[in-house]
C-alpha atoms as a PDB file:
ATOM      1  CA  MET A   1      61.916 105.629 -11.681  1.00  0.00           C
ATOM      2  CA  THR A   2      61.467 109.050 -13.254  1.00  0.00           C
ATOM      3  CA  THR A   3      64.577 111.118 -13.913  1.00  0.00           C
ATOM      4  CA  ILE A   4      64.720 114.818 -14.797  1.00  0.00           C
ATOM      5  CA  TYR A   5      67.626 116.158 -16.864  1.00  0.00           C
ATOM      6  CA  ASP A   6      69.076 119.632 -17.157  1.00  0.00           C
ATOM      7  CA  ALA A   7      69.715 119.896 -20.868  1.00  0.00           C
ATOM      8  CA  ARG A   8      70.552 122.265 -23.683  1.00  0.00           C
ATOM      9  CA  LEU A   9      68.930 122.124 -27.107  1.00  0.00           C
ATOM     10  CA  VAL A  10      71.049 123.427 -29.992  1.00  0.00           C
ATOM     11  CA  HIS A  11      69.838 124.006 -33.554  1.00  0.00           C
ATOM     12  CA  LEU A  12      72.457 124.760 -36.206  1.00  0.00           C
ATOM     13  CA  ARG A  13      71.511 125.629 -39.757  1.00  0.00           C
ATOM     14  CA  ARG A  14      74.187 125.362 -42.460  1.00  0.00           C
ATOM     15  CA  GLU A  15      72.272 125.845 -45.732  1.00  0.00           C
ATOM     16  CA  ARG A  16      72.196 129.270 -47.478  1.00  0.00           C
ATOM     17  CA  ILE A  17      72.461 131.008 -44.096  1.00  0.00           C
ATOM     18  CA  THR A  18      74.439 129.811 -41.090  1.00  0.00           C
ATOM     19  CA  ARG A  19      72.486 130.414 -37.892  1.00  0.00           C
ATOM     20  CA  ARG A  20      72.420 128.817 -34.459  1.00  0.00           C
ATOM     21  CA  PHE A  21      70.181 129.028 -31.430  1.00  0.00           C
ATOM     22  CA  THR A  22      70.177 127.331 -28.043  1.00  0.00           C
ATOM     23  CA  SER A  23      67.564 126.789 -25.361  1.00  0.00           C
ATOM     24  CA  ARG A  24      67.505 125.204 -21.933  1.00  0.00           C
ATOM     25  CA  MET A  25      65.224 122.197 -21.466  1.00  0.00           C
ATOM     26  CA  ARG A  26      64.280 119.806 -18.679  1.00  0.00           C
ATOM     27  CA  PRO A  27      63.220 116.557 -20.349  1.00  0.00           C
ATOM     28  CA  TRP A  28      62.031 113.629 -18.258  1.00  0.00           C
ATOM     29  CA  LEU A  29      63.009 109.988 -18.668  1.00  0.00           C
ATOM     30  CA  VAL A  30      60.042 107.820 -17.644  1.00  0.00           C
ATOM     31  CA  ASP A  31      58.987 104.172 -17.645  1.00  0.00           C
ATOM     32  CA  LEU A  32      56.081 103.937 -20.077  1.00  0.00           C
ATOM     33  CA  ASP A  33      54.321 101.444 -17.771  1.00  0.00           C
ATOM     34  CA  HIS A  34      54.615 103.718 -14.719  1.00  0.00           C
ATOM     35  CA  LEU A  35      54.035 107.265 -15.923  1.00  0.00           C
ATOM     36  CA  PRO A  36      54.201 110.033 -13.312  1.00  0.00           C
ATOM     37  CA  ASN A  37      51.099 112.136 -12.924  1.00  0.00           C
ATOM     38  CA  HIS A  38      51.261 115.511 -11.201  1.00  0.00           C
ATOM     39  CA  PRO A  39      48.574 117.653 -12.883  1.00  0.00           C
ATOM     40  CA  PRO A  40      48.569 120.527 -13.534  1.00  0.00           C
ATOM     41  CA  LEU A  41      52.337 120.701 -12.937  1.00  0.00           C
ATOM     42  CA  ALA A  42      53.441 117.726 -15.022  1.00  0.00           C
ATOM     43  CA  SER A  43      51.647 114.868 -16.773  1.00  0.00           C
ATOM     44  CA  PHE A  44      52.113 112.587 -19.778  1.00  0.00           C
ATOM     45  CA  GLU A  45      48.996 112.265 -21.916  1.00  0.00           C
ATOM     46  CA  ALA A  46      48.179 110.182 -24.984  1.00  0.00           C
ATOM     47  CA  ARG A  47      46.878 113.209 -26.915  1.00  0.00           C
ATOM     48  CA  ASP A  48      50.422 114.585 -26.978  1.00  0.00           C
ATOM     49  CA  HIS A  49      51.941 111.538 -28.677  1.00  0.00           C
ATOM     50  CA  LEU A  50      51.311 109.100 -31.504  1.00  0.00           C
ATOM     51  CA  GLY A  51      48.074 107.184 -31.581  1.00  0.00           C
ATOM     52  CA  ARG A  52      44.539 107.657 -30.379  1.00  0.00           C
ATOM     53  CA  PRO A  53      43.866 109.948 -27.420  1.00  0.00           C
ATOM     54  CA  ASP A  54      41.366 107.476 -25.936  1.00  0.00           C
ATOM     55  CA  ARG A  55      44.123 104.908 -25.304  1.00  0.00           C
ATOM     56  CA  THR A  56      47.252 105.044 -23.176  1.00  0.00           C
ATOM     57  CA  ILE A  57      50.624 106.014 -24.619  1.00  0.00           C
ATOM     58  CA  ARG A  58      51.799 102.436 -24.075  1.00  0.00           C
ATOM     59  CA  GLN A  59      48.787 100.984 -25.902  1.00  0.00           C
ATOM     60  CA  ASN A  60      49.362 103.336 -28.827  1.00  0.00           C
ATOM     61  CA  LEU A  61      53.069 102.534 -29.007  1.00  0.00           C
ATOM     62  CA  ASP A  62      52.372  98.782 -28.860  1.00  0.00           C
ATOM     63  CA  ALA A  63      49.901  99.135 -31.746  1.00  0.00           C
ATOM     64  CA  TYR A  64      52.465 101.101 -33.773  1.00  0.00           C
ATOM     65  CA  LEU A  65      55.187  98.531 -33.088  1.00  0.00           C
ATOM     66  CA  ALA A  66      52.857  95.643 -33.953  1.00  0.00           C
ATOM     67  CA  ARG A  67      52.285  97.123 -37.406  1.00  0.00           C
ATOM     68  CA  HIS A  68      56.031  96.760 -37.905  1.00  0.00           C
ATOM     69  CA  GLY A  69      56.203  93.257 -36.465  1.00  0.00           C
ATOM     70  CA  VAL A  70      57.900  94.387 -33.250  1.00  0.00           C
ATOM     71  CA  ALA A  71      57.058  93.792 -29.579  1.00  0.00           C
ATOM     72  CA  ALA A  72      58.650  95.382 -26.519  1.00  0.00           C
ATOM     73  CA  ALA A  73      58.615  94.200 -22.908  1.00  0.00           C
ATOM     74  CA  ARG A  74      59.880  97.473 -21.464  1.00  0.00           C
ATOM     75  CA  VAL A  75      59.921 101.017 -22.849  1.00  0.00           C
ATOM     76  CA  SER A  76      61.627 104.179 -21.619  1.00  0.00           C
ATOM     77  CA  LEU A  77      60.388 107.528 -22.923  1.00  0.00           C
ATOM     78  CA  LEU A  78      62.321 110.809 -22.964  1.00  0.00           C
ATOM     79  CA  ALA A  79      59.963 113.770 -23.375  1.00  0.00           C
ATOM     80  CA  MET A  80      58.693 116.963 -21.820  1.00  0.00           C
ATOM     81  CA  PRO A  81      55.518 116.594 -19.744  1.00  0.00           C
ATOM     82  CA  ARG A  82      52.392 118.679 -20.196  1.00  0.00           C
ATOM     83  CA  THR A  83      52.618 121.644 -17.811  1.00  0.00           C
ATOM     84  CA  PHE A  84      49.687 123.914 -16.925  1.00  0.00           C
ATOM     85  CA  GLY A  85      47.823 122.564 -19.955  1.00  0.00           C
ATOM     86  CA  TYR A  86      50.650 123.057 -22.459  1.00  0.00           C
ATOM     87  CA  VAL A  87      53.359 120.903 -23.988  1.00  0.00           C
ATOM     88  CA  PHE A  88      55.698 121.072 -26.968  1.00  0.00           C
ATOM     89  CA  ASN A  89      58.113 118.256 -27.734  1.00  0.00           C
ATOM     90  CA  PRO A  90      60.316 118.821 -30.791  1.00  0.00           C
ATOM     91  CA  LEU A  91      61.474 115.239 -30.242  1.00  0.00           C
ATOM     92  CA  SER A  92      60.228 112.380 -28.074  1.00  0.00           C
ATOM     93  CA  VAL A  93      62.312 109.203 -27.962  1.00  0.00           C
ATOM     94  CA  TYR A  94      61.164 105.703 -27.008  1.00  0.00           C
ATOM     95  CA  TRP A  95      63.806 103.061 -26.206  1.00  0.00           C
ATOM     96  CA  CYS A  96      62.267  99.596 -26.553  1.00  0.00           C
ATOM     97  CA  PHE A  97      63.746  96.497 -24.859  1.00  0.00           C
ATOM     98  CA  ASP A  98      62.865  92.818 -24.749  1.00  0.00           C
ATOM     99  CA  ALA A  99      62.332  90.755 -21.603  1.00  0.00           C
ATOM    100  CA  THR A 100      66.086  90.201 -21.190  1.00  0.00           C
ATOM    101  CA  GLY A 101      66.839  93.929 -21.355  1.00  0.00           C
ATOM    102  CA  ALA A 102      68.303  93.767 -24.859  1.00  0.00           C
ATOM    103  CA  PRO A 103      67.413  96.687 -27.167  1.00  0.00           C
ATOM    104  CA  VAL A 104      64.748  95.930 -29.781  1.00  0.00           C
ATOM    105  CA  CYS A 105      64.375  99.295 -31.507  1.00  0.00           C
ATOM    106  CA  VAL A 106      64.148 103.042 -30.970  1.00  0.00           C
ATOM    107  CA  VAL A 107      61.178 105.185 -31.982  1.00  0.00           C
ATOM    108  CA  ALA A 108      61.968 108.852 -32.646  1.00  0.00           C
ATOM    109  CA  GLU A 109      58.772 110.923 -32.665  1.00  0.00           C
ATOM    110  CA  VAL A 110      59.273 114.334 -34.279  1.00  0.00           C
ATOM    111  CA  HIS A 111      56.769 117.163 -33.764  1.00  0.00           C
ATOM    112  CA  ASN A 112      56.445 120.441 -35.660  1.00  0.00           C
ATOM    113  CA  THR A 113      54.799 123.728 -34.678  1.00  0.00           C
ATOM    114  CA  HIS A 114      51.703 122.887 -36.788  1.00  0.00           C
ATOM    115  CA  ARG A 115      50.603 120.206 -34.301  1.00  0.00           C
ATOM    116  CA  GLU A 116      51.787 117.464 -36.663  1.00  0.00           C
ATOM    117  CA  ARG A 117      54.034 114.533 -35.780  1.00  0.00           C
ATOM    118  CA  HIS A 118      55.767 111.571 -37.347  1.00  0.00           C
ATOM    119  CA  ALA A 119      57.265 108.518 -35.680  1.00  0.00           C
ATOM    120  CA  TYR A 120      60.409 106.957 -37.146  1.00  0.00           C
ATOM    121  CA  LEU A 121      61.084 103.294 -36.316  1.00  0.00           C
ATOM    122  CA  LEU A 122      64.863 102.888 -36.008  1.00  0.00           C
ATOM    123  CA  ARG A 123      67.136  99.917 -35.529  1.00  0.00           C
ATOM    124  CA  PRO A 124      70.382 101.488 -34.335  1.00  0.00           C
ATOM    125  CA  ASP A 125      73.779  99.831 -34.544  1.00  0.00           C
ATOM    126  CA  ALA A 126      75.956  99.059 -31.527  1.00  0.00           C
ATOM    127  CA  GLY A 127      76.893 102.731 -31.250  1.00  0.00           C
ATOM    128  CA  TRP A 128      73.207 103.792 -31.318  1.00  0.00           C
ATOM    129  CA  HIS A 129      73.530 105.300 -34.808  1.00  0.00           C
ATOM    130  CA  ALA A 130      70.628 105.069 -37.263  1.00  0.00           C
ATOM    131  CA  THR A 131      69.553 106.645 -40.540  1.00  0.00           C
ATOM    132  CA  THR A 132      66.098 107.310 -41.981  1.00  0.00           C
ATOM    133  CA  ALA A 133      64.525 109.405 -44.719  1.00  0.00           C
ATOM    134  CA  LYS A 134      62.926 112.684 -43.631  1.00  0.00           C
ATOM    135  CA  GLU A 135      59.114 112.369 -43.753  1.00  0.00           C
ATOM    136  CA  LEU A 136      57.735 115.395 -41.855  1.00  0.00           C
ATOM    137  CA  TYR A 137      57.726 119.128 -42.644  1.00  0.00           C
ATOM    138  CA  VAL A 138      59.518 120.686 -39.698  1.00  0.00           C
ATOM    139  CA  SER A 139      61.126 123.965 -40.750  1.00  0.00           C
ATOM    140  CA  PRO A 140      59.437 126.354 -43.225  1.00  0.00           C
ATOM    141  CA  PHE A 141      62.888 126.827 -44.779  1.00  0.00           C
ATOM    142  CA  LEU A 142      63.729 123.161 -45.433  1.00  0.00           C
ATOM    143  CA  GLU A 143      62.118 120.790 -47.935  1.00  0.00           C
ATOM    144  CA  VAL A 144      60.782 117.402 -46.880  1.00  0.00           C
ATOM    145  CA  ASP A 145      63.652 115.442 -48.341  1.00  0.00           C
ATOM    146  CA  GLY A 146      67.094 114.244 -47.346  1.00  0.00           C
ATOM    147  CA  GLU A 147      68.265 111.748 -44.762  1.00  0.00           C
ATOM    148  CA  TYR A 148      68.389 112.002 -40.992  1.00  0.00           C
ATOM    149  CA  ARG A 149      71.488 110.583 -39.351  1.00  0.00           C
ATOM    150  CA  MET A 150      70.715 110.094 -35.696  1.00  0.00           C
ATOM    151  CA  ARG A 151      72.619 109.063 -32.614  1.00  0.00           C
ATOM    152  CA  LEU A 152      70.233 108.219 -29.782  1.00  0.00           C
ATOM    153  CA  PRO A 153      71.924 106.391 -26.881  1.00  0.00           C
ATOM    154  CA  PRO A 154      69.741 105.793 -23.793  1.00  0.00           C
ATOM    155  CA  PRO A 155      70.397 108.507 -21.190  1.00  0.00           C
ATOM    156  CA  ALA A 156      72.259 107.634 -18.002  1.00  0.00           C
ATOM    157  CA  ASP A 157      74.121 110.240 -15.962  1.00  0.00           C
ATOM    158  CA  ARG A 158      74.631 112.103 -19.224  1.00  0.00           C
ATOM    159  CA  LEU A 159      72.226 112.880 -22.055  1.00  0.00           C
ATOM    160  CA  ALA A 160      73.655 113.190 -25.577  1.00  0.00           C
ATOM    161  CA  LEU A 161      71.301 112.927 -28.555  1.00  0.00           C
ATOM    162  CA  SER A 162      71.862 114.295 -32.044  1.00  0.00           C
ATOM    163  CA  ILE A 163      70.023 114.439 -35.363  1.00  0.00           C
ATOM    164  CA  VAL A 164      71.777 115.657 -38.513  1.00  0.00           C
ATOM    165  CA  LEU A 165      69.858 116.226 -41.747  1.00  0.00           C
ATOM    166  CA  HIS A 166      71.936 115.432 -44.827  1.00  0.00           C
ATOM    167  CA  ARG A 167      71.009 116.563 -48.330  1.00  0.00           C
ATOM    168  CA  GLY A 168      73.143 116.095 -51.391  1.00  0.00           C
ATOM    169  CA  GLY A 169      75.798 114.346 -49.335  1.00  0.00           C
ATOM    170  CA  ARG A 170      76.349 117.189 -46.877  1.00  0.00           C
ATOM    171  CA  PRO A 171      74.888 118.244 -43.505  1.00  0.00           C
ATOM    172  CA  VAL A 172      72.419 121.135 -43.737  1.00  0.00           C
ATOM    173  CA  PHE A 173      70.855 121.102 -40.266  1.00  0.00           C
ATOM    174  CA  THR A 174      71.834 119.736 -36.860  1.00  0.00           C
ATOM    175  CA  ALA A 175      69.799 119.382 -33.676  1.00  0.00           C
ATOM    176  CA  ALA A 176      71.547 118.254 -30.493  1.00  0.00           C
ATOM    177  CA  LEU A 177      70.220 117.702 -26.977  1.00  0.00           C
ATOM    178  CA  THR A 178      72.881 117.346 -24.300  1.00  0.00           C
ATOM    179  CA  GLY A 179      72.771 117.508 -20.536  1.00  0.00           C
ATOM    180  CA  ARG A 180      73.141 115.763 -17.235  1.00  0.00           C
ATOM    181  CA  ARG A 181      70.935 113.993 -14.747  1.00  0.00           C
ATOM    182  CA  ARG A 182      69.271 116.413 -12.326  1.00  0.00           C
ATOM    183  CA  GLY A 183      67.625 113.794 -10.139  1.00  0.00           C
ATOM    184  CA  THR A 184      64.330 112.074  -9.507  1.00  0.00           C
ATOM    185  CA  ALA A 185      60.977 113.832  -9.812  1.00  0.00           C
ATOM    186  CA  THR A 186      60.606 115.015  -6.224  1.00  0.00           C
ATOM    187  CA  PRO A 187      57.743 117.434  -5.459  1.00  0.00           C
ATOM    188  CA  ALA A 188      60.209 120.326  -5.280  1.00  0.00           C
ATOM    189  CA  ARG A 189      61.759 119.508  -8.669  1.00  0.00           C
ATOM    190  CA  VAL A 190      58.343 119.040 -10.269  1.00  0.00           C
ATOM    191  CA  LEU A 191      57.300 122.475  -9.014  1.00  0.00           C
ATOM    192  CA  ARG A 192      60.526 124.117 -10.229  1.00  0.00           C
ATOM    193  CA  HIS A 193      60.084 122.457 -13.620  1.00  0.00           C
ATOM    194  CA  ALA A 194      56.533 123.790 -13.956  1.00  0.00           C
ATOM    195  CA  LEU A 195      57.395 127.335 -12.896  1.00  0.00           C
ATOM    196  CA  ALA A 196      60.334 127.499 -15.320  1.00  0.00           C
ATOM    197  CA  GLY A 197      57.940 127.062 -18.275  1.00  0.00           C
ATOM    198  CA  PRO A 198      60.371 125.085 -20.482  1.00  0.00           C
ATOM    199  CA  PRO A 199      57.899 123.921 -23.201  1.00  0.00           C
ATOM    200  CA  GLN A 200      56.671 127.457 -23.822  1.00  0.00           C
ATOM    201  CA  ARG A 201      60.223 128.799 -23.953  1.00  0.00           C
ATOM    202  CA  VAL A 202      61.414 126.213 -26.457  1.00  0.00           C
ATOM    203  CA  ARG A 203      58.545 126.862 -28.869  1.00  0.00           C
ATOM    204  CA  ALA A 204      58.933 130.637 -28.565  1.00  0.00           C
ATOM    205  CA  LEU A 205      62.640 130.416 -29.379  1.00  0.00           C
ATOM    206  CA  ILE A 206      62.015 128.188 -32.405  1.00  0.00           C
ATOM    207  CA  GLN A 207      59.446 130.656 -33.734  1.00  0.00           C
ATOM    208  CA  ARG A 208      61.733 133.628 -33.063  1.00  0.00           C
ATOM    209  CA  HIS A 209      64.498 131.799 -34.919  1.00  0.00           C
ATOM    210  CA  GLY A 210      62.136 131.359 -37.884  1.00  0.00           C
ATOM    211  CA  ILE A 211      61.208 135.040 -37.900  1.00  0.00           C
ATOM    212  CA  ALA A 212      64.909 135.978 -37.976  1.00  0.00           C
ATOM    213  CA  LEU A 213      65.471 133.732 -41.008  1.00  0.00           C
ATOM    214  CA  TRP A 214      62.397 135.175 -42.743  1.00  0.00           C
ATOM    215  CA  LEU A 215      63.661 138.718 -42.156  1.00  0.00           C
ATOM    216  CA  ARG A 216      66.881 137.691 -43.904  1.00  0.00           C
ATOM    217  CA  ARG A 217      64.717 136.768 -46.938  1.00  0.00           C
ATOM    218  CA  LEU A 218      65.293 133.045 -46.771  1.00  0.00           C
ATOM    219  CA  PRO A 219      62.771 131.391 -49.152  1.00  0.00           C
ATOM    220  CA  ILE A 220      59.795 129.719 -47.488  1.00  0.00           C
ATOM    221  CA  VAL A 221      58.918 126.161 -48.486  1.00  0.00           C
ATOM    222  CA  PRO A 222      55.131 125.634 -48.767  1.00  0.00           C
ATOM    223  CA  ARG A 223      53.758 123.087 -46.312  1.00  0.00           C
ATOM    224  CA  ARG A 224      51.619 120.164 -47.322  1.00  0.00           C
ATOM    225  CA  PRO A 225      49.483 118.735 -44.508  1.00  0.00           C
ATOM    226  CA  HIS A 226      51.012 115.596 -43.058  1.00  0.00           C
ATOM    227  CA  VAL A 227      48.941 112.429 -43.120  1.00  0.00           C
ATOM    228  CA  PRO A 228      48.858 111.162 -39.500  1.00  0.00           C
ATOM    229  CA  GLN A 229      50.212 107.652 -39.114  1.00  0.00           C
ATOM    230  CA  GLU A 230      47.482 106.736 -36.672  1.00  0.00           C
ATOM    231  CA  GLY A 231      44.628 108.298 -38.632  1.00  0.00           C
ATOM    232  CA  VAL A 232      44.007 111.158 -36.192  1.00  0.00           C
ATOM    233  CA  GLN A 233      45.741 114.444 -35.499  1.00  0.00           C
END
């Protein structure tokens, strides 16, 4: 079953300059083996996620997991669908379970505004906490170093995900996605989602946030192209 959430994305910067922005989002929680398809209003396509665009998202995820010696019987994905030919997912999360329903791992797939992405294989503790080194250039004002401390519990009636970047033993950036279940993907909700234009709004706000920091003379960190994990952009 596909579930749509009403959610709020919050970015909080704490290094050199303290600045915060928020945006409304409507992420979808989908079964990776039964992806909804409502083009052009909403669709999930392999080209928007890790792996080769000529395979399915599930095939690409299975190949990625196999390289790490992991197999999953069932996978739930939280992400924004492609809408009217456009999508932007700052974060896509895959919850992987075995045949008994026990959690195997979580894959956090981070995207930047340069059409680059990096998937982090996580093995959370009982409270769904996990840590991993930062590997992808995301903000032009933050170096590619430090440690992400994530809390990524599977959504139910409530959605509550957080990622905190720590450098030098202190938090310098926080991203949080919180919300509540809106309901299943009925035709009316799919249409409202598409007309609201959430992917475009999120990217525009992130870029406006960056311009505001640049105008305050925050130093820009040069970007080095990211080597795709799957060998293709």
